[in-house]
Protein backbone atom coordinates (compact mmCIF):
# COMPACT_ATOMS: atom_id res chain seq x y z
CA MET A 1 0.00 0.00 0.00
CA THR A 2 1.42 3.41 -0.97
CA VAL A 3 1.74 6.36 1.40
CA ALA A 4 -1.22 8.05 -0.31
CA ALA A 5 -3.34 4.93 0.12
CA VAL A 6 -2.43 4.68 3.79
CA ASP A 7 -3.39 8.33 4.24
CA ARG A 8 -6.76 7.72 2.55
CA ALA A 9 -7.40 4.59 4.60
CA LEU A 10 -6.77 6.53 7.81
CA ASN A 11 -9.13 9.25 6.59
CA ILE A 12 -11.82 6.60 6.11
CA ILE A 13 -11.33 5.42 9.69
CA GLU A 14 -11.61 8.98 11.00
CA VAL A 15 -14.78 9.65 9.00
CA LEU A 16 -16.46 6.41 10.09
CA ALA A 17 -15.51 7.03 13.74
CA GLY A 18 -18.19 9.71 13.85
CA GLU A 19 -20.87 7.63 12.12
CA PRO A 20 -22.33 4.95 14.44
CA ASP A 21 -24.94 3.98 11.81
CA GLY A 22 -22.33 3.75 9.06
CA LEU A 23 -22.19 5.35 5.62
CA GLU A 24 -22.99 4.18 2.12
CA LEU A 25 -20.20 3.85 -0.42
CA SER A 26 -21.32 6.87 -2.43
CA MET A 27 -21.40 9.10 0.65
CA MET A 28 -17.97 7.90 1.73
CA ALA A 29 -16.56 8.70 -1.72
CA GLU A 30 -18.13 12.15 -1.62
CA ARG A 31 -16.79 12.90 1.87
CA LEU A 32 -13.29 11.87 0.83
CA SER A 33 -13.45 13.38 -2.68
CA LEU A 34 -12.40 10.03 -4.15
CA PRO A 35 -13.72 7.92 -7.03
CA LEU A 36 -16.15 5.16 -6.08
CA SER A 37 -13.74 2.47 -7.27
CA ALA A 38 -10.84 3.75 -5.15
CA THR A 39 -13.07 4.12 -2.10
CA HIS A 40 -14.38 0.59 -2.53
CA ARG A 41 -10.85 -0.84 -2.78
CA LEU A 42 -9.78 0.92 0.41
CA LEU A 43 -12.88 -0.26 2.26
CA ALA A 44 -12.28 -3.81 1.04
CA THR A 45 -8.73 -3.72 2.41
CA LEU A 46 -9.94 -2.40 5.76
CA MET A 47 -12.57 -5.14 5.85
CA ASP A 48 -9.90 -7.76 5.17
CA HIS A 49 -8.06 -6.49 8.26
CA HIS A 50 -11.30 -6.39 10.31
CA PHE A 51 -11.31 -2.63 10.86
CA VAL A 52 -14.49 -2.07 8.81
CA GLN A 53 -17.67 -4.08 8.37
CA ARG A 54 -20.50 -3.92 5.82
CA ASP A 55 -24.15 -4.29 6.74
CA ALA A 56 -25.73 -6.69 4.24
CA ASN A 57 -29.20 -5.17 4.75
CA THR A 58 -28.38 -1.47 4.43
CA SER A 59 -25.14 -1.70 2.40
CA THR A 60 -23.55 0.75 4.82
CA PHE A 61 -19.96 0.56 6.06
CA SER A 62 -19.03 1.10 9.71
CA LEU A 63 -16.08 0.57 12.03
CA THR A 64 -15.71 -2.65 13.96
CA LEU A 65 -14.42 -2.69 17.53
CA ARG A 66 -10.95 -3.56 16.28
CA MET A 67 -9.67 -0.01 16.86
CA ALA A 68 -11.04 0.00 20.40
CA GLN A 69 -9.47 -3.39 21.03
CA LEU A 70 -6.04 -2.15 19.93
CA ALA A 71 -6.41 1.05 21.96
CA PHE A 72 -7.26 -0.88 25.13
CA ARG A 73 -4.38 -3.27 24.48
CA ASN A 74 -2.00 -0.32 24.14
CA MET A 75 -3.22 1.27 27.37
CA ASP A 76 -3.09 -2.03 29.23
CA CYS A 77 0.52 -2.63 28.26
CA ARG A 78 1.33 0.84 29.57
CA GLN A 79 -0.64 0.00 32.75
CA LEU A 80 -2.33 3.41 32.53
CA PRO A 81 -5.96 2.59 33.45
CA ASP A 82 -5.09 0.78 36.69
CA VAL A 83 -2.75 3.56 37.73
CA VAL A 84 -5.28 6.37 37.50
CA GLN A 85 -8.78 4.96 37.88
CA ASN A 86 -8.81 4.76 41.68
CA ALA A 87 -7.70 8.37 41.99
CA LEU A 88 -10.31 9.47 39.43
CA ASN A 89 -13.07 7.58 41.23
CA ARG A 90 -12.23 9.27 44.52
CA LEU A 91 -12.09 12.68 42.87
CA ALA A 92 -15.48 12.13 41.22
CA MET A 93 -17.03 10.96 44.49
CA THR A 94 -15.62 13.94 46.39
CA THR A 95 -16.61 16.62 43.88
CA GLY A 96 -19.82 15.04 42.62
CA GLU A 97 -18.83 15.96 39.06
CA TYR A 98 -17.40 14.45 35.89
CA CYS A 99 -13.64 13.84 36.10
CA ARG A 100 -11.14 12.96 33.38
CA LEU A 101 -7.46 12.30 32.98
CA ALA A 102 -5.53 13.16 29.82
CA VAL A 103 -1.95 12.29 28.96
CA VAL A 104 0.55 14.20 26.84
CA GLU A 105 0.98 12.68 23.39
CA ALA A 106 3.39 14.61 21.14
CA ASP A 107 1.95 18.15 20.79
CA THR A 108 -1.46 17.44 22.25
CA LEU A 109 -3.37 15.66 24.99
CA VAL A 110 -5.46 12.48 24.79
CA TRP A 111 -8.24 11.47 27.17
CA ILE A 112 -7.58 8.02 28.64
CA ALA A 113 -9.80 7.69 31.73
CA ARG A 114 -12.96 9.13 33.26
CA ALA A 115 -15.26 8.85 36.27
CA GLN A 116 -18.76 10.23 36.77
CA GLY A 117 -19.53 11.70 40.18
CA ALA A 118 -22.96 13.22 39.47
CA THR A 119 -25.61 10.88 40.87
CA ALA A 120 -28.66 13.10 40.37
CA GLY A 121 -29.79 16.09 38.35
CA LEU A 122 -27.80 17.29 35.36
CA ARG A 123 -25.03 14.94 34.20
CA TYR A 124 -22.22 16.12 31.96
CA GLU A 125 -21.20 13.28 29.62
CA PRO A 126 -18.79 14.50 26.90
CA ASP A 127 -17.40 12.34 24.11
CA MET A 128 -14.17 10.65 25.24
CA GLY A 129 -13.15 10.25 21.61
CA ALA A 130 -13.20 13.97 20.91
CA ASP A 131 -9.97 15.89 20.34
CA VAL A 132 -8.70 18.06 23.21
CA VAL A 133 -8.89 21.60 21.85
CA LEU A 134 -6.01 23.07 23.83
CA HIS A 135 -6.93 26.77 23.81
CA THR A 136 -10.61 26.35 24.78
CA THR A 137 -10.38 23.74 27.53
CA ALA A 138 -9.19 23.87 31.11
CA THR A 139 -7.28 20.67 30.39
CA GLY A 140 -5.44 22.24 27.48
CA LYS A 141 -4.65 25.47 29.28
CA ALA A 142 -3.40 23.60 32.37
CA TRP A 143 -0.81 21.88 30.19
CA LEU A 144 0.06 24.87 28.00
CA ALA A 145 0.79 26.93 31.12
CA THR A 146 3.56 24.48 32.09
CA LEU A 147 5.41 25.04 28.80
CA PRO A 148 7.74 27.88 27.83
CA GLU A 149 5.53 30.55 26.25
CA HIS A 150 7.11 30.27 22.80
CA GLU A 151 6.49 26.51 22.81
CA ALA A 152 2.89 26.87 23.94
CA MET A 153 2.21 29.47 21.24
CA ARG A 154 3.88 27.32 18.58
CA ILE A 155 1.61 24.39 19.43
CA VAL A 156 -1.57 26.49 19.45
CA PHE A 157 -0.66 28.33 16.24
CA ALA A 158 -0.05 24.99 14.52
CA ALA A 159 -3.55 23.83 15.50
CA GLY A 160 -5.13 27.23 14.78
CA PHE A 161 -7.89 29.26 16.40
CA SER A 162 -10.54 28.05 13.97
CA GLU A 163 -14.15 27.92 15.17
CA ARG A 164 -15.76 24.53 15.76
CA PRO A 165 -19.41 23.62 16.21
CA GLY A 166 -20.40 23.67 19.87
CA PHE A 167 -17.82 26.17 21.10
CA GLY A 168 -19.10 28.33 23.94
CA PRO A 169 -19.47 32.12 23.84
CA ASN A 170 -16.23 32.62 25.82
CA ALA A 171 -13.99 30.53 23.55
CA ILE A 172 -10.55 32.09 23.13
CA ARG A 173 -10.10 33.44 19.62
CA ASP A 174 -6.79 35.31 19.70
CA ILE A 175 -3.28 34.99 21.08
CA ASP A 176 -3.48 37.95 23.49
CA THR A 177 -6.49 36.48 25.26
CA LEU A 178 -4.76 33.13 25.47
CA ARG A 179 -1.68 34.74 27.03
CA MET A 180 -3.92 36.41 29.63
CA HIS A 181 -5.62 33.10 30.46
CA LEU A 182 -2.28 31.29 30.85
CA ASP A 183 -1.10 34.07 33.14
CA HIS A 184 -4.23 33.51 35.25
CA VAL A 185 -3.38 29.80 35.45
CA HIS A 186 0.02 30.66 36.91
CA LYS A 187 -1.51 33.03 39.47
CA ARG A 188 -4.43 30.79 40.53
CA GLY A 189 -2.61 27.48 40.41
CA PHE A 190 -5.30 25.85 38.26
CA ALA A 191 -6.85 26.32 34.83
CA LEU A 192 -10.45 27.42 34.36
CA ALA A 193 -12.77 27.32 31.35
CA VAL A 194 -16.23 28.87 31.66
CA GLU A 195 -18.40 28.21 28.60
CA GLU A 196 -15.38 28.01 26.33
CA GLY A 197 -15.17 24.52 24.86
CA GLU A 198 -18.91 23.99 25.26
CA VAL A 199 -22.01 26.04 26.05
CA GLY A 200 -23.27 25.77 29.62
CA THR A 201 -20.24 24.01 31.09
CA VAL A 202 -17.42 24.88 33.49
CA ALA A 203 -14.17 22.96 33.90
CA LEU A 204 -11.14 23.19 36.17
CA ALA A 205 -7.87 21.35 35.59
CA VAL A 206 -4.35 20.88 36.97
CA PRO A 207 -1.28 19.13 35.53
CA PHE A 208 0.65 16.29 37.11
CA ARG A 209 4.30 15.29 36.65
CA SER A 210 6.06 11.99 36.13
CA ARG A 211 7.54 12.22 39.63
CA PRO A 212 7.34 14.57 42.67
CA ASP A 213 9.98 16.96 41.37
CA ALA A 214 9.38 20.45 40.00
CA ALA A 215 11.88 19.70 37.22
CA ALA A 216 10.12 16.48 36.17
CA PRO A 217 8.19 16.58 32.90
CA VAL A 218 4.43 17.10 32.94
CA VAL A 219 2.85 13.89 31.67
CA GLY A 220 -0.84 14.66 31.96
CA THR A 221 -3.73 16.58 33.47
CA LEU A 222 -6.69 15.97 35.75
CA SER A 223 -9.94 17.86 35.27
CA VAL A 224 -13.35 18.32 36.87
CA ALA A 225 -16.23 19.53 34.70
CA GLY A 226 -19.96 20.00 34.96
CA PRO A 227 -22.95 22.27 34.33
CA ILE A 228 -22.42 25.98 34.94
CA ALA A 229 -25.55 26.00 37.10
CA ARG A 230 -23.81 23.71 39.57
CA ILE A 231 -20.14 24.72 39.38
CA GLN A 232 -20.27 28.31 40.58
CA PRO A 233 -17.27 30.50 41.55
CA ASP A 234 -17.77 29.75 45.25
CA ARG A 235 -16.84 26.11 44.52
CA TYR A 236 -13.66 26.80 42.55
CA ALA A 237 -11.24 26.82 45.49
CA ASP A 238 -12.63 23.60 46.96
CA ILE A 239 -12.61 21.75 43.63
CA ALA A 240 -9.09 23.00 42.88
CA ALA A 241 -7.86 21.70 46.24
CA HIS A 242 -9.30 18.25 45.52
CA LEU A 243 -7.77 18.32 42.03
CA LYS A 244 -4.31 19.09 43.40
CA GLU A 245 -4.61 16.33 45.99
CA ALA A 246 -5.61 13.84 43.30
CA ALA A 247 -2.79 15.03 41.02
CA ASP A 248 -0.26 14.47 43.81
CA HIS A 249 -1.58 10.94 44.30
CA VAL A 250 -1.45 10.15 40.57
CA CYS A 251 2.10 11.50 40.45
CA GLU A 252 3.17 9.20 43.30
CA VAL A 253 1.57 6.14 41.70
CA TRP A 254 2.98 7.10 38.30
CA THR A 255 6.46 7.22 39.83
CA LEU A 256 5.97 3.79 41.43
CA ARG A 257 4.75 2.36 38.11
CA ASN A 258 7.86 3.66 36.34
CA ARG A 259 10.12 2.16 39.00
CA GLN A 260 8.40 -1.20 38.76
CA SER A 261 8.65 -1.15 34.96
CA ASN A 262 12.35 -0.30 35.11
CA ARG A 263 12.94 -3.03 37.69
CA MET A 264 11.21 -5.60 35.49
CA VAL A 265 13.34 -4.57 32.53
CA THR A 266 16.51 -4.82 34.63
CA VAL A 267 15.56 -8.20 36.02
CA GLY A 268 14.68 -9.44 32.54
CA ALA A 269 18.00 -8.23 31.16
CA GLY A 270 19.87 -9.91 34.01
CA HIS A 271 18.02 -13.15 33.41
CA ASP A 272 18.88 -13.04 29.71
CA ALA A 273 22.52 -12.37 30.51
CA THR A 274 22.61 -15.34 32.93
CA GLN A 275 21.05 -17.61 30.37
CA SER A 276 23.53 -16.41 27.74
CA ASN A 277 26.47 -17.15 30.04
CA ARG A 278 25.11 -20.61 30.74
CA HIS A 279 24.72 -21.37 27.07
CA GLY A 280 28.23 -20.05 26.43
CA ALA A 281 29.68 -22.32 29.10
CA VAL A 282 27.90 -25.33 27.69
CA GLY A 283 29.02 -24.51 24.17
């Protein structure tokens, strides 16, 4: 498969990811601006690898759970869910709101875990598969504020300030406003987004590091979000305190996980070396 074909196949996966009922071949070709024949060949290849399925009754194509399976396998091998879920559950129970953890991946953040603390009334349930828009979310601003300013601006400029459906009325639309918000993060000690990424929602977030050391790299963020009617300014300080406590706990567990992983690698290497010496002596 050529580079262009790989690019088109990935585009198909991204398009179908937002279509739970699937799409017909003609609509897929139109979305991708490709000939029907080329689109059909790409879909056939993806079906051969079990990433796409075709409904015999409706003739629509949709994603299988293969992508989800690979994603869970990747997170399991990193031991990420087990590390953070307990801390998230406690944070959700304490705040009574929706909590998420995102990890740094190249020049962005990716949601990997969540916990719902709202047991009655309005429940905020965002899409975990959505991109983290860095300049309009508390999560994004919490991370950007830990970077040198020129690096943060480079990342945001690369993504752009383009409008997206569903943005709130307070969404940041220029670099000066973003600089002001990041300055507020430094002064408050937490990031805040009031009707920015979405209408009617408020979110607070803090970063956490790979180990309890101010020089250690930031590896992710913790956030609490919910309806604006429930998360009022008089709750900010309390929620922020719980966020920081949870972030400290995640940092400690993250450090322990890294130590255990390194120890396993060292032990494995030592075992291999011992076996090699034994084989050498026998030979």
